[in-house]
């Protein structure tokens, strides 16, 4: 029984480690993409026109 519990905990630990690796890889890819393709500057007039007017 103890052996099965150890094996299960090792599988869970490996899965968590793989998730962390995947998250780091995703973050690095996103950062590289943003550096290669910077976002367009936002025109303040367009932003103001899209904001809803307060309702009284």
Protein backbone atom coordinates (compact mmCIF):
# COMPACT_ATOMS: atom_id res chain seq x y z
CA UNK A 1 0.00 0.00 0.00
CA UNK A 2 2.81 2.42 0.88
CA UNK A 3 4.45 1.72 -2.45
CA UNK A 4 1.27 2.72 -4.31
CA UNK A 5 1.03 5.94 -2.31
CA UNK A 6 4.68 6.81 -3.07
CA UNK A 7 4.16 6.12 -6.76
CA UNK A 8 1.03 8.29 -6.79
CA UNK A 9 2.81 11.15 -5.03
CA UNK A 10 5.71 10.92 -7.50
CA UNK A 11 3.27 11.10 -10.43
CA UNK A 12 1.54 14.12 -8.90
CA UNK A 13 4.86 15.85 -8.24
CA UNK A 14 5.98 15.23 -11.83
CA UNK A 15 2.67 16.59 -13.14
CA UNK A 16 3.03 19.78 -11.04
CA UNK A 17 6.62 20.19 -12.24
CA UNK A 18 5.54 19.78 -15.87
CA UNK A 19 2.78 22.37 -15.36
CA UNK A 20 5.32 24.86 -13.99
CA UNK A 21 7.62 24.20 -16.95
CA UNK A 22 4.75 24.71 -19.38
CA UNK A 23 3.75 27.97 -17.66
CA UNK A 24 7.32 29.28 -17.86
CA UNK A 25 7.56 28.28 -21.52
CA UNK A 26 4.25 30.01 -22.29
CA UNK A 27 5.33 33.18 -20.46
CA UNK A 28 8.64 33.25 -22.34
CA UNK A 29 6.89 32.76 -25.68
CA UNK A 30 4.41 35.53 -24.90
CA UNK A 31 7.19 37.91 -23.86
CA UNK A 32 9.15 37.14 -27.03
CA UNK A 33 6.04 37.76 -29.12
CA UNK A 34 5.37 41.10 -27.46
CA UNK A 35 8.99 42.18 -27.95
CA UNK A 36 8.84 41.24 -31.62
CA UNK A 37 5.36 42.72 -32.14
CA UNK A 38 4.81 45.69 -29.84
CA UNK A 39 1.18 46.71 -29.32
CA UNK A 40 -0.17 49.63 -31.31
CA UNK A 41 -0.34 52.98 -29.50
CA UNK A 42 -3.86 53.83 -28.37
CA UNK A 43 -5.37 57.09 -29.54
CA UNK A 44 -6.94 58.82 -26.54
CA UNK A 45 -9.76 60.28 -28.63
CA UNK A 46 -10.84 56.81 -29.74
CA UNK A 47 -10.77 55.52 -26.18
CA UNK A 48 -12.88 58.45 -24.95
CA UNK A 49 -15.40 57.91 -27.75
CA UNK A 50 -15.78 54.21 -26.84
CA UNK A 51 -16.40 54.83 -23.13
CA UNK A 52 -20.08 54.71 -22.20
CA UNK A 53 -21.64 57.91 -20.95
CA UNK A 54 -22.79 57.93 -17.32
CA UNK A 55 -26.53 57.47 -16.95
CA UNK A 56 -28.26 59.72 -14.47
